[in-house]
Protein backbone atom coordinates (compact mmCIF):
# COMPACT_ATOMS: atom_id res chain seq x y z
CA MET A 1 2.78 -28.00 -6.01
CA ASN A 2 -0.32 -30.07 -5.40
CA LEU A 3 -2.76 -28.58 -2.92
CA SER A 4 -5.39 -30.45 -0.95
CA GLY A 5 -9.07 -29.62 -1.24
CA ASP A 6 -9.43 -26.93 1.41
CA GLU A 7 -6.41 -24.94 0.21
CA GLN A 8 -8.40 -23.87 -2.85
CA ASN A 9 -11.85 -22.27 -2.79
CA VAL A 10 -13.65 -24.29 -5.45
CA SER A 11 -17.24 -25.04 -6.31
CA ARG A 12 -18.54 -28.45 -5.37
CA GLY A 13 -18.71 -31.08 -8.07
CA ALA A 14 -16.55 -31.98 -10.98
CA THR A 15 -15.95 -30.13 -14.23
CA LEU A 16 -14.87 -31.42 -17.62
CA ALA A 17 -11.28 -30.64 -16.60
CA GLY A 18 -11.63 -32.40 -13.23
CA PRO A 19 -11.92 -30.54 -9.91
CA GLY A 20 -14.44 -27.84 -9.03
CA LEU A 21 -14.29 -24.31 -10.42
CA ALA A 22 -11.91 -21.69 -9.11
CA ALA A 23 -13.05 -18.05 -8.87
CA HIS A 24 -16.66 -19.07 -9.57
CA GLY A 25 -15.67 -19.80 -13.17
CA TYR A 26 -14.25 -16.34 -13.87
CA ASP A 27 -11.19 -15.98 -16.07
CA VAL A 28 -8.53 -14.99 -13.51
CA VAL A 29 -6.35 -13.44 -16.23
CA SER A 30 -9.17 -11.07 -17.17
CA PHE A 31 -8.96 -9.35 -13.76
CA PHE A 32 -5.45 -8.17 -14.64
CA ARG A 33 -6.89 -6.53 -17.77
CA GLY A 34 -9.45 -4.74 -15.59
CA GLU A 35 -12.39 -6.53 -17.20
CA PRO A 36 -13.41 -9.61 -15.18
CA SER A 37 -15.24 -12.09 -17.37
CA VAL A 38 -16.72 -15.53 -16.92
CA GLY A 39 -14.60 -18.14 -18.66
CA SER A 40 -15.64 -21.00 -20.93
CA ASP A 41 -15.25 -24.73 -20.47
CA LYS A 42 -13.66 -24.70 -23.95
CA PHE A 43 -10.62 -23.00 -22.40
CA ALA A 44 -10.06 -24.76 -19.08
CA ILE A 45 -7.21 -26.28 -17.12
CA ALA A 46 -6.96 -28.16 -13.83
CA GLN A 47 -4.28 -26.58 -11.63
CA ASN A 48 -3.53 -27.09 -7.92
CA GLY A 49 -6.84 -28.77 -7.14
CA ALA A 50 -9.05 -26.32 -9.04
CA THR A 51 -10.39 -25.91 -12.55
CA TYR A 52 -9.68 -22.52 -14.08
CA ARG A 53 -11.75 -21.32 -17.03
CA PHE A 54 -10.73 -18.64 -19.51
CA ILE A 55 -12.43 -16.48 -22.11
CA ASP A 56 -10.02 -17.43 -24.89
CA GLN A 57 -6.85 -19.28 -25.79
CA ALA A 58 -4.71 -16.21 -25.12
CA SER A 59 -5.85 -16.07 -21.47
CA LEU A 60 -5.33 -19.81 -21.07
CA ASP A 61 -1.83 -19.54 -22.54
CA ALA A 62 -0.98 -16.61 -20.24
CA PHE A 63 -2.11 -18.64 -17.23
CA LYS A 64 -0.17 -21.72 -18.35
CA ALA A 65 2.99 -19.62 -18.71
CA HIS A 66 2.69 -18.03 -15.22
CA PRO A 67 -0.02 -19.71 -13.10
CA ILE A 68 1.26 -18.36 -9.78
CA LYS A 69 0.97 -14.82 -11.13
CA TYR A 70 -2.73 -15.26 -11.88
CA GLU A 71 -3.99 -17.61 -9.15
CA PRO A 72 -6.02 -15.63 -6.59
CA ALA A 73 -4.34 -14.96 -3.26
CA TYR A 74 -5.31 -17.27 -0.40
CA GLY A 75 -6.57 -19.96 -2.74
CA GLY A 76 -9.42 -17.70 -3.85
CA TYR A 77 -10.84 -17.33 -0.37
CA CYS A 78 -11.80 -13.88 0.93
CA ALA A 79 -8.73 -11.72 1.60
CA TYR A 80 -10.28 -10.16 4.70
CA GLY A 81 -11.32 -13.58 5.94
CA ALA A 82 -7.64 -14.56 5.86
CA VAL A 83 -6.91 -11.47 7.99
CA LEU A 84 -9.31 -12.92 10.56
CA GLY A 85 -7.86 -16.42 10.23
CA LYS A 86 -10.99 -17.68 8.46
CA LYS A 87 -11.89 -19.03 5.02
CA PHE A 88 -14.84 -17.11 3.63
CA ASP A 89 -15.97 -17.43 0.04
CA GLY A 90 -14.16 -15.09 -2.34
CA ASP A 91 -16.72 -13.50 -4.64
CA PRO A 92 -15.21 -12.37 -7.96
CA ARG A 93 -17.55 -9.36 -8.02
CA TYR A 94 -15.50 -7.92 -5.14
CA TRP A 95 -11.91 -7.93 -6.29
CA LYS A 96 -8.76 -5.88 -6.49
CA VAL A 97 -5.34 -6.43 -8.03
CA VAL A 98 -2.68 -5.03 -5.70
CA GLY A 99 1.04 -5.45 -6.20
CA GLY A 100 0.45 -7.94 -8.98
CA ARG A 101 -1.81 -10.23 -6.89
CA LEU A 102 -5.52 -10.85 -7.28
CA TYR A 103 -7.53 -10.53 -4.07
CA LEU A 104 -11.18 -11.54 -3.73
CA ASN A 105 -13.53 -10.57 -0.91
CA LEU A 106 -16.82 -11.92 0.41
CA ASN A 107 -18.99 -8.90 -0.33
CA ALA A 108 -18.94 -5.11 -0.72
CA ASP A 109 -18.97 -4.39 3.03
CA ILE A 110 -16.07 -6.74 3.68
CA GLN A 111 -14.13 -5.33 0.73
CA SER A 112 -14.62 -1.84 2.09
CA LYS A 113 -13.27 -2.94 5.48
CA TRP A 114 -10.28 -4.68 3.80
CA SER A 115 -9.58 -1.59 1.70
CA GLU A 116 -9.16 0.62 4.80
CA ASP A 117 -5.63 -0.78 5.25
CA ILE A 118 -4.73 -2.97 2.31
CA ALA A 119 -1.00 -3.15 3.08
CA GLY A 120 -1.54 -4.00 6.73
CA ASN A 121 -4.29 -6.47 5.92
CA VAL A 122 -2.15 -8.22 3.30
CA THR A 123 0.68 -8.59 5.81
CA LYS A 124 -1.64 -10.07 8.42
CA ALA A 125 -3.47 -12.29 5.91
CA ASP A 126 -0.17 -13.60 4.49
CA SER A 127 0.94 -14.55 7.99
CA ASN A 128 -2.38 -16.18 8.86
CA TRP A 129 -2.59 -18.03 5.55
CA THR A 130 0.55 -20.02 6.32
CA LYS A 131 -1.26 -21.30 9.43
CA ILE A 132 -4.73 -21.93 7.98
CA LYS A 133 -4.25 -22.91 4.35
CA ALA A 134 -4.29 -26.65 5.01
CA VAL A 135 -6.97 -26.48 7.73
CA PRO A 136 -10.43 -27.59 6.56
CA VAL A 137 -13.00 -24.80 6.40
CA ASP A 138 -15.20 -26.42 9.03
CA LYS A 139 -12.28 -26.58 11.50
CA LEU A 140 -11.65 -22.82 11.59
């Protein structure tokens, strides 16, 4: 699957691996270990229009084996933003792994609001995401 630019929340500019950084450069595999860490450009891969960085070869290998498992929900945009039909930045400081998926939120207040009804919000965000994923951020 090859996604267009606005389907992934990436930093502007290129990286050594190609497209902008996903998850603000955090190792997305590290969230599943409960210890989010910033990755290194030594362990990077371009995937679906974003460059993912990892803390070590083991994390990179885990991602290569199952990228869909580790890619953040909603292209790394804010999970609650998707509930609202919007694309807000997903900040890796405000995260949660639920049901085997990584969700990012814009900030602590938004994460608190999202956490009030995670199951309901995921259902609504999943439905909205199918409608907005290919829509440019400035058109929402």
